[in-house]
Amino acid sequence: MAENTAGGAGLLAEHGLSFWIEHGSRSVLFDTGQGMVIYHNADRLGIPLQAVDAVVLSHGHYDHTGGLIGVLRAARRTRVYTHPAAFSPKFARTAAGSGRYIGMPLDEQKVCDQAELIRTESPTEIIEGLHLTGPVPRLTYFEDVGGSFFKDQTCTEPDDLVDDQAAFFQTPSGT
Protein backbone atom coordinates (compact mmCIF):
# COMPACT_ATOMS: atom_id res chain seq x y z
CA MET A 1 0.00 0.00 0.00
CA ALA A 2 2.82 2.42 0.80
CA GLU A 3 6.59 2.33 0.62
CA ASN A 4 9.52 4.36 -0.68
CA THR A 5 8.83 3.44 -4.31
CA ALA A 6 5.64 3.42 -6.39
CA GLY A 7 5.31 0.05 -8.10
CA GLY A 8 2.38 0.69 -10.40
CA ALA A 9 0.62 3.23 -12.58
CA GLY A 10 -1.16 5.86 -10.53
CA LEU A 11 0.30 4.73 -7.19
CA LEU A 12 2.12 7.14 -4.91
CA ALA A 13 5.22 6.59 -2.77
CA GLU A 14 6.30 7.99 0.58
CA HIS A 15 8.99 7.31 3.14
CA GLY A 16 7.48 4.59 5.30
CA LEU A 17 5.71 1.28 5.00
CA SER A 18 2.26 -0.27 4.77
CA PHE A 19 1.20 -3.74 3.56
CA TRP A 20 -2.30 -5.10 2.96
CA ILE A 21 -2.37 -8.81 3.77
CA GLU A 22 -5.26 -11.05 2.74
CA HIS A 23 -5.48 -14.62 4.01
CA GLY A 24 -8.66 -16.52 3.28
CA SER A 25 -11.52 -14.17 4.09
CA ARG A 26 -9.48 -12.10 6.56
CA SER A 27 -7.48 -8.93 5.98
CA VAL A 28 -4.71 -7.31 8.01
CA LEU A 29 -3.05 -3.95 7.53
CA PHE A 30 0.62 -4.20 8.54
CA ASP A 31 1.68 -0.62 9.32
CA THR A 32 -0.01 2.49 7.95
CA GLY A 33 2.85 4.51 6.42
CA GLN A 34 3.02 8.23 7.11
CA GLY A 35 -0.63 8.55 6.13
CA MET A 36 -0.23 10.74 3.06
CA VAL A 37 -0.64 8.06 0.37
CA ILE A 38 -2.38 5.07 1.99
CA TYR A 39 -5.92 6.26 1.16
CA HIS A 40 -5.04 7.17 -2.42
CA ASN A 41 -3.26 3.86 -3.01
CA ALA A 42 -6.04 1.86 -1.31
CA ASP A 43 -8.57 3.47 -3.63
CA ARG A 44 -6.42 2.83 -6.73
CA LEU A 45 -5.90 -0.81 -5.69
CA GLY A 46 -9.53 -1.41 -4.74
CA ILE A 47 -8.65 -2.13 -1.11
CA PRO A 48 -11.51 -1.56 1.36
CA LEU A 49 -9.71 -0.11 4.40
CA GLN A 50 -13.02 -0.04 6.28
CA ALA A 51 -13.14 -3.85 6.10
CA VAL A 52 -9.79 -4.50 7.77
CA ASP A 53 -9.94 -7.18 10.48
CA ALA A 54 -6.79 -6.05 12.27
CA VAL A 55 -4.07 -3.41 12.13
CA VAL A 56 -0.54 -4.38 13.14
CA LEU A 57 2.09 -1.78 13.99
CA SER A 58 5.67 -2.97 13.65
CA HIS A 59 6.94 -0.17 15.89
CA GLY A 60 6.03 3.34 16.99
CA HIS A 61 7.68 5.58 14.36
CA TYR A 62 5.47 8.02 12.41
CA ASP A 63 6.39 6.51 9.03
CA HIS A 64 4.78 3.24 10.14
CA THR A 65 1.87 4.68 12.18
CA GLY A 66 0.95 8.02 10.57
CA GLY A 67 -2.08 6.67 8.70
CA LEU A 68 -3.58 5.04 11.80
CA ILE A 69 -5.86 8.01 12.56
CA GLY A 70 -7.74 7.71 9.27
CA VAL A 71 -7.75 3.92 9.22
CA LEU A 72 -9.38 3.82 12.66
CA ARG A 73 -12.01 6.32 11.53
CA ALA A 74 -12.78 4.15 8.50
CA ALA A 75 -12.54 0.71 10.15
CA ARG A 76 -14.57 1.37 13.32
CA ARG A 77 -13.56 -0.79 16.28
CA THR A 78 -10.99 -2.96 14.57
CA ARG A 79 -8.20 -4.57 16.57
CA VAL A 80 -4.78 -2.88 16.77
CA TYR A 81 -1.78 -5.03 17.67
CA THR A 82 1.33 -3.27 18.93
CA HIS A 83 3.93 -3.44 21.66
CA PRO A 84 3.20 -1.07 24.60
CA ALA A 85 6.51 0.77 24.03
CA ALA A 86 5.27 1.88 20.59
CA PHE A 87 3.46 4.70 22.44
CA SER A 88 6.65 5.91 24.16
CA PRO A 89 8.24 9.18 23.02
CA LYS A 90 10.60 8.70 20.07
CA PHE A 91 13.10 11.17 18.66
CA ALA A 92 15.78 11.42 15.99
CA ARG A 93 18.70 13.85 16.10
CA THR A 94 18.64 16.56 13.43
CA ALA A 95 21.75 17.80 11.62
CA ALA A 96 21.70 20.79 14.00
CA GLY A 97 21.83 18.40 16.98
CA SER A 98 18.33 18.96 18.32
CA GLY A 99 15.70 16.25 18.78
CA ARG A 100 12.89 15.87 16.26
CA TYR A 101 9.78 13.95 17.34
CA ILE A 102 9.29 10.84 15.17
CA GLY A 103 6.78 8.93 17.28
CA MET A 104 3.13 8.01 16.82
CA PRO A 105 0.61 10.73 16.05
CA LEU A 106 -1.93 9.09 18.42
CA ASP A 107 -1.52 8.36 22.10
CA GLU A 108 -2.57 5.07 23.65
CA GLN A 109 -5.88 6.39 25.02
CA LYS A 110 -7.01 7.66 21.60
CA VAL A 111 -6.29 4.26 20.07
CA CYS A 112 -8.24 2.57 22.89
CA ASP A 113 -11.15 4.96 22.29
CA GLN A 114 -11.42 3.85 18.65
CA ALA A 115 -10.17 0.26 18.59
CA GLU A 116 -9.53 -2.82 20.62
CA LEU A 117 -5.86 -2.45 21.57
CA ILE A 118 -3.94 -5.70 21.92
CA ARG A 119 -0.50 -5.26 23.44
CA THR A 120 2.04 -7.69 21.99
CA GLU A 121 5.01 -8.54 24.18
CA SER A 122 5.51 -12.09 22.91
CA PRO A 123 4.71 -14.11 19.78
CA THR A 124 1.03 -13.60 18.96
CA GLU A 125 -1.31 -15.08 16.36
CA ILE A 126 -3.25 -12.34 14.53
CA ILE A 127 -5.38 -14.49 12.26
CA GLU A 128 -5.03 -18.20 11.55
CA GLY A 129 -1.49 -18.74 10.29
CA LEU A 130 -0.34 -15.10 10.59
CA HIS A 131 1.79 -14.39 13.65
CA LEU A 132 3.80 -11.56 15.17
CA THR A 133 7.25 -12.25 16.56
CA GLY A 134 6.88 -9.97 19.55
CA PRO A 135 9.97 -7.87 20.33
CA VAL A 136 12.96 -8.60 18.11
CA PRO A 137 15.98 -9.19 20.34
CA ARG A 138 19.29 -7.60 19.39
CA LEU A 139 21.73 -10.40 20.21
CA THR A 140 24.81 -9.62 18.11
CA TYR A 141 26.91 -6.53 17.59
CA PHE A 142 25.68 -6.01 14.01
CA GLU A 143 21.97 -6.01 14.89
CA ASP A 144 21.20 -2.34 15.27
CA VAL A 145 17.95 -0.38 15.11
CA GLY A 146 18.68 1.23 11.74
CA GLY A 147 19.58 4.70 12.92
CA SER A 148 20.25 7.00 15.84
CA PHE A 149 16.97 6.95 17.72
CA PHE A 150 16.31 8.35 21.16
CA LYS A 151 13.70 8.30 23.94
CA ASP A 152 14.19 11.97 24.83
CA GLN A 153 14.23 15.29 22.99
CA THR A 154 17.79 16.05 24.13
CA CYS A 155 18.92 12.85 22.38
CA THR A 156 20.82 11.50 25.36
CA GLU A 157 18.87 8.28 26.04
CA PRO A 158 19.16 5.81 23.14
CA ASP A 159 16.00 4.02 21.99
CA ASP A 160 16.76 0.36 21.37
CA LEU A 161 13.28 -0.11 19.82
CA VAL A 162 11.99 -2.78 22.18
CA ASP A 163 8.67 -2.34 20.36
CA ASP A 164 10.08 -3.62 17.06
CA GLN A 165 8.30 -6.74 15.78
CA ALA A 166 7.84 -8.62 12.52
CA ALA A 167 5.07 -10.75 11.02
CA PHE A 168 5.32 -14.25 9.58
CA PHE A 169 3.07 -16.94 8.15
CA GLN A 170 3.07 -20.48 9.51
CA THR A 171 2.18 -22.83 6.64
CA PRO A 172 2.16 -26.61 6.14
CA SER A 173 5.46 -26.10 4.28
CA GLY A 174 7.00 -24.18 7.19
CA THR A 175 7.44 -20.59 8.29
C-alpha atoms as a PDB file:
ATOM      1  CA  MET A   1       0.000   0.000   0.000  1.00  0.00           C
ATOM      2  CA  ALA A   2       2.816   2.422   0.799  1.00  0.00           C
ATOM      3  CA  GLU A   3       6.586   2.334   0.615  1.00  0.00           C
ATOM      4  CA  ASN A   4       9.521   4.356  -0.679  1.00  0.00           C
ATOM      5  CA  THR A   5       8.828   3.444  -4.312  1.00  0.00           C
ATOM      6  CA  ALA A   6       5.644   3.424  -6.386  1.00  0.00           C
ATOM      7  CA  GLY A   7       5.308   0.050  -8.097  1.00  0.00           C
ATOM      8  CA  GLY A   8       2.376   0.688 -10.396  1.00  0.00           C
ATOM      9  CA  ALA A   9       0.621   3.226 -12.581  1.00  0.00           C
ATOM     10  CA  GLY A  10      -1.155   5.862 -10.530  1.00  0.00           C
ATOM     11  CA  LEU A  11       0.300   4.732  -7.190  1.00  0.00           C
ATOM     12  CA  LEU A  12       2.123   7.140  -4.907  1.00  0.00           C
ATOM     13  CA  ALA A  13       5.221   6.588  -2.774  1.00  0.00           C
ATOM     14  CA  GLU A  14       6.299   7.989   0.577  1.00  0.00           C
ATOM     15  CA  HIS A  15       8.995   7.305   3.144  1.00  0.00           C
ATOM     16  CA  GLY A  16       7.476   4.589   5.297  1.00  0.00           C
ATOM     17  CA  LEU A  17       5.711   1.280   4.995  1.00  0.00           C
ATOM     18  CA  SER A  18       2.262  -0.273   4.769  1.00  0.00           C
ATOM     19  CA  PHE A  19       1.205  -3.736   3.556  1.00  0.00           C
ATOM     20  CA  TRP A  20      -2.303  -5.099   2.959  1.00  0.00           C
ATOM     21  CA  ILE A  21      -2.374  -8.815   3.771  1.00  0.00           C
ATOM     22  CA  GLU A  22      -5.265 -11.053   2.742  1.00  0.00           C
ATOM     23  CA  HIS A  23      -5.480 -14.615   4.008  1.00  0.00           C
ATOM     24  CA  GLY A  24      -8.660 -16.515   3.283  1.00  0.00           C
ATOM     25  CA  SER A  25     -11.520 -14.168   4.087  1.00  0.00           C
ATOM     26  CA  ARG A  26      -9.477 -12.105   6.562  1.00  0.00           C
ATOM     27  CA  SER A  27      -7.484  -8.928   5.980  1.00  0.00           C
ATOM     28  CA  VAL A  28      -4.712  -7.313   8.006  1.00  0.00           C
ATOM     29  CA  LEU A  29      -3.048  -3.947   7.533  1.00  0.00           C
ATOM     30  CA  PHE A  30       0.615  -4.198   8.536  1.00  0.00           C
ATOM     31  CA  ASP A  31       1.677  -0.618   9.319  1.00  0.00           C
ATOM     32  CA  THR A  32      -0.014   2.491   7.946  1.00  0.00           C
ATOM     33  CA  GLY A  33       2.849   4.513   6.424  1.00  0.00           C
ATOM     34  CA  GLN A  34       3.018   8.234   7.114  1.00  0.00           C
ATOM     35  CA  GLY A  35      -0.627   8.547   6.128  1.00  0.00           C
ATOM     36  CA  MET A  36      -0.231  10.740   3.065  1.00  0.00           C
ATOM     37  CA  VAL A  37      -0.644   8.058   0.369  1.00  0.00           C
ATOM     38  CA  ILE A  38      -2.382   5.068   1.987  1.00  0.00           C
ATOM     39  CA  TYR A  39      -5.921   6.259   1.157  1.00  0.00           C
ATOM     40  CA  HIS A  40      -5.040   7.173  -2.421  1.00  0.00           C
ATOM     41  CA  ASN A  41      -3.260   3.859  -3.005  1.00  0.00           C
ATOM     42  CA  ALA A  42      -6.038   1.859  -1.310  1.00  0.00           C
ATOM     43  CA  ASP A  43      -8.570   3.470  -3.629  1.00  0.00           C
ATOM     44  CA  ARG A  44      -6.424   2.826  -6.733  1.00  0.00           C
ATOM     45  CA  LEU A  45      -5.897  -0.806  -5.695  1.00  0.00           C
ATOM     46  CA  GLY A  46      -9.531  -1.409  -4.736  1.00  0.00           C
ATOM     47  CA  ILE A  47      -8.646  -2.129  -1.110  1.00  0.00           C
ATOM     48  CA  PRO A  48     -11.505  -1.560   1.362  1.00  0.00           C
ATOM     49  CA  LEU A  49      -9.714  -0.114   4.398  1.00  0.00           C
ATOM     50  CA  GLN A  50     -13.024  -0.039   6.282  1.00  0.00           C
ATOM     51  CA  ALA A  51     -13.143  -3.852   6.104  1.00  0.00           C
ATOM     52  CA  VAL A  52      -9.791  -4.502   7.772  1.00  0.00           C
ATOM     53  CA  ASP A  53      -9.940  -7.179  10.478  1.00  0.00           C
ATOM     54  CA  ALA A  54      -6.787  -6.051  12.271  1.00  0.00           C
ATOM     55  CA  VAL A  55      -4.070  -3.410  12.134  1.00  0.00           C
ATOM     56  CA  VAL A  56      -0.541  -4.381  13.140  1.00  0.00           C
ATOM     57  CA  LEU A  57       2.086  -1.779  13.993  1.00  0.00           C
ATOM     58  CA  SER A  58       5.665  -2.970  13.650  1.00  0.00           C
ATOM     59  CA  HIS A  59       6.938  -0.173  15.894  1.00  0.00           C
ATOM     60  CA  GLY A  60       6.025   3.338  16.988  1.00  0.00           C
ATOM     61  CA  HIS A  61       7.675   5.576  14.363  1.00  0.00           C
ATOM     62  CA  TYR A  62       5.465   8.020  12.410  1.00  0.00           C
ATOM     63  CA  ASP A  63       6.393   6.512   9.034  1.00  0.00           C
ATOM     64  CA  HIS A  64       4.776   3.239  10.142  1.00  0.00           C
ATOM     65  CA  THR A  65       1.873   4.682  12.182  1.00  0.00           C
ATOM     66  CA  GLY A  66       0.950   8.020  10.570  1.00  0.00           C
ATOM     67  CA  GLY A  67      -2.078   6.669   8.698  1.00  0.00           C
ATOM     68  CA  LEU A  68      -3.576   5.044  11.797  1.00  0.00           C
ATOM     69  CA  ILE A  69      -5.858   8.011  12.557  1.00  0.00           C
ATOM     70  CA  GLY A  70      -7.743   7.707   9.267  1.00  0.00           C
ATOM     71  CA  VAL A  71      -7.745   3.916   9.224  1.00  0.00           C
ATOM     72  CA  LEU A  72      -9.380   3.820  12.661  1.00  0.00           C
ATOM     73  CA  ARG A  73     -12.011   6.320  11.525  1.00  0.00           C
ATOM     74  CA  ALA A  74     -12.780   4.152   8.499  1.00  0.00           C
ATOM     75  CA  ALA A  75     -12.542   0.715  10.147  1.00  0.00           C
ATOM     76  CA  ARG A  76     -14.573   1.374  13.315  1.00  0.00           C
ATOM     77  CA  ARG A  77     -13.556  -0.785  16.279  1.00  0.00           C
ATOM     78  CA  THR A  78     -10.989  -2.960  14.569  1.00  0.00           C
ATOM     79  CA  ARG A  79      -8.198  -4.570  16.569  1.00  0.00           C
ATOM     80  CA  VAL A  80      -4.782  -2.878  16.774  1.00  0.00           C
ATOM     81  CA  TYR A  81      -1.779  -5.035  17.673  1.00  0.00           C
ATOM     82  CA  THR A  82       1.326  -3.272  18.927  1.00  0.00           C
ATOM     83  CA  HIS A  83       3.933  -3.442  21.659  1.00  0.00           C
ATOM     84  CA  PRO A  84       3.204  -1.071  24.596  1.00  0.00           C
ATOM     85  CA  ALA A  85       6.513   0.768  24.030  1.00  0.00           C
ATOM     86  CA  ALA A  86       5.273   1.885  20.592  1.00  0.00           C
ATOM     87  CA  PHE A  87       3.461   4.702  22.439  1.00  0.00           C
ATOM     88  CA  SER A  88       6.651   5.908  24.155  1.00  0.00           C
ATOM     89  CA  PRO A  89       8.244   9.184  23.022  1.00  0.00           C
ATOM     90  CA  LYS A  90      10.603   8.697  20.074  1.00  0.00           C
ATOM     91  CA  PHE A  91      13.101  11.170  18.655  1.00  0.00           C
ATOM     92  CA  ALA A  92      15.783  11.423  15.993  1.00  0.00           C
ATOM     93  CA  ARG A  93      18.702  13.848  16.099  1.00  0.00           C
ATOM     94  CA  THR A  94      18.636  16.558  13.429  1.00  0.00           C
ATOM     95  CA  ALA A  95      21.753  17.801  11.620  1.00  0.00           C
ATOM     96  CA  ALA A  96      21.705  20.785  14.002  1.00  0.00           C
ATOM     97  CA  GLY A  97      21.831  18.400  16.978  1.00  0.00           C
ATOM     98  CA  SER A  98      18.328  18.956  18.322  1.00  0.00           C
ATOM     99  CA  GLY A  99      15.703  16.253  18.782  1.00  0.00           C
ATOM    100  CA  ARG A 100      12.885  15.868  16.257  1.00  0.00           C
ATOM    101  CA  TYR A 101       9.777  13.953  17.341  1.00  0.00           C
ATOM    102  CA  ILE A 102       9.289  10.839  15.168  1.00  0.00           C
ATOM    103  CA  GLY A 103       6.778   8.927  17.283  1.00  0.00           C
ATOM    104  CA  MET A 104       3.132   8.006  16.822  1.00  0.00           C
ATOM    105  CA  PRO A 105       0.609  10.732  16.054  1.00  0.00           C
ATOM    106  CA  LEU A 106      -1.926   9.089  18.416  1.00  0.00           C
ATOM    107  CA  ASP A 107      -1.525   8.355  22.099  1.00  0.00           C
ATOM    108  CA  GLU A 108      -2.571   5.067  23.649  1.00  0.00           C
ATOM    109  CA  GLN A 109      -5.883   6.392  25.020  1.00  0.00           C
ATOM    110  CA  LYS A 110      -7.006   7.662  21.598  1.00  0.00           C
ATOM    111  CA  VAL A 111      -6.290   4.261  20.070  1.00  0.00           C
ATOM    112  CA  CYS A 112      -8.238   2.571  22.889  1.00  0.00           C
ATOM    113  CA  ASP A 113     -11.155   4.958  22.294  1.00  0.00           C
ATOM    114  CA  GLN A 114     -11.419   3.854  18.655  1.00  0.00           C
ATOM    115  CA  ALA A 115     -10.165   0.259  18.587  1.00  0.00           C
ATOM    116  CA  GLU A 116      -9.527  -2.823  20.619  1.00  0.00           C
ATOM    117  CA  LEU A 117      -5.864  -2.454  21.566  1.00  0.00           C
ATOM    118  CA  ILE A 118      -3.940  -5.700  21.916  1.00  0.00           C
ATOM    119  CA  ARG A 119      -0.495  -5.261  23.436  1.00  0.00           C
ATOM    120  CA  THR A 120       2.039  -7.694  21.993  1.00  0.00           C
ATOM    121  CA  GLU A 121       5.006  -8.542  24.178  1.00  0.00           C
ATOM    122  CA  SER A 122       5.512 -12.088  22.907  1.00  0.00           C
ATOM    123  CA  PRO A 123       4.708 -14.110  19.776  1.00  0.00           C
ATOM    124  CA  THR A 124       1.030 -13.599  18.962  1.00  0.00           C
ATOM    125  CA  GLU A 125      -1.306 -15.081  16.358  1.00  0.00           C
ATOM    126  CA  ILE A 126      -3.250 -12.344  14.529  1.00  0.00           C
ATOM    127  CA  ILE A 127      -5.376 -14.495  12.255  1.00  0.00           C
ATOM    128  CA  GLU A 128      -5.030 -18.198  11.548  1.00  0.00           C
ATOM    129  CA  GLY A 129      -1.487 -18.742  10.286  1.00  0.00           C
ATOM    130  CA  LEU A 130      -0.340 -15.097  10.593  1.00  0.00           C
ATOM    131  CA  HIS A 131       1.792 -14.389  13.646  1.00  0.00           C
ATOM    132  CA  LEU A 132       3.805 -11.561  15.175  1.00  0.00           C
ATOM    133  CA  THR A 133       7.253 -12.255  16.558  1.00  0.00           C
ATOM    134  CA  GLY A 134       6.880  -9.972  19.552  1.00  0.00           C
ATOM    135  CA  PRO A 135       9.974  -7.875  20.326  1.00  0.00           C
ATOM    136  CA  VAL A 136      12.960  -8.604  18.109  1.00  0.00           C
ATOM    137  CA  PRO A 137      15.982  -9.189  20.342  1.00  0.00           C
ATOM    138  CA  ARG A 138      19.290  -7.605  19.386  1.00  0.00           C
ATOM    139  CA  LEU A 139      21.734 -10.404  20.206  1.00  0.00           C
ATOM    140  CA  THR A 140      24.812  -9.623  18.108  1.00  0.00           C
ATOM    141  CA  TYR A 141      26.907  -6.525  17.590  1.00  0.00           C
ATOM    142  CA  PHE A 142      25.681  -6.006  14.006  1.00  0.00           C
ATOM    143  CA  GLU A 143      21.968  -6.007  14.888  1.00  0.00           C
ATOM    144  CA  ASP A 144      21.202  -2.338  15.268  1.00  0.00           C
ATOM    145  CA  VAL A 145      17.954  -0.384  15.105  1.00  0.00           C
ATOM    146  CA  GLY A 146      18.681   1.226  11.739  1.00  0.00           C
ATOM    147  CA  GLY A 147      19.581   4.699  12.923  1.00  0.00           C
ATOM    148  CA  SER A 148      20.254   6.996  15.838  1.00  0.00           C
ATOM    149  CA  PHE A 149      16.967   6.947  17.722  1.00  0.00           C
ATOM    150  CA  PHE A 150      16.306   8.350  21.165  1.00  0.00           C
ATOM    151  CA  LYS A 151      13.702   8.296  23.941  1.00  0.00           C
ATOM    152  CA  ASP A 152      14.194  11.965  24.830  1.00  0.00           C
ATOM    153  CA  GLN A 153      14.232  15.291  22.994  1.00  0.00           C
ATOM    154  CA  THR A 154      17.787  16.052  24.134  1.00  0.00           C
ATOM    155  CA  CYS A 155      18.922  12.849  22.377  1.00  0.00           C
ATOM    156  CA  THR A 156      20.820  11.501  25.359  1.00  0.00           C
ATOM    157  CA  GLU A 157      18.872   8.277  26.044  1.00  0.00           C
ATOM    158  CA  PRO A 158      19.155   5.806  23.137  1.00  0.00           C
ATOM    159  CA  ASP A 159      15.998   4.016  21.991  1.00  0.00           C
ATOM    160  CA  ASP A 160      16.761   0.359  21.374  1.00  0.00           C
ATOM    161  CA  LEU A 161      13.277  -0.113  19.818  1.00  0.00           C
ATOM    162  CA  VAL A 162      11.995  -2.785  22.176  1.00  0.00           C
ATOM    163  CA  ASP A 163       8.666  -2.337  20.361  1.00  0.00           C
ATOM    164  CA  ASP A 164      10.078  -3.622  17.055  1.00  0.00           C
ATOM    165  CA  GLN A 165       8.303  -6.744  15.782  1.00  0.00           C
ATOM    166  CA  ALA A 166       7.839  -8.621  12.521  1.00  0.00           C
ATOM    167  CA  ALA A 167       5.074 -10.751  11.020  1.00  0.00           C
ATOM    168  CA  PHE A 168       5.322 -14.251   9.580  1.00  0.00           C
ATOM    169  CA  PHE A 169       3.065 -16.937   8.152  1.00  0.00           C
ATOM    170  CA  GLN A 170       3.075 -20.477   9.507  1.00  0.00           C
ATOM    171  CA  THR A 171       2.178 -22.834   6.641  1.00  0.00           C
ATOM    172  CA  PRO A 172       2.163 -26.610   6.136  1.00  0.00           C
ATOM    173  CA  SER A 173       5.457 -26.104   4.278  1.00  0.00           C
ATOM    174  CA  GLY A 174       6.998 -24.181   7.189  1.00  0.00           C
ATOM    175  CA  THR A 175       7.443 -20.591   8.291  1.00  0.00           C
END
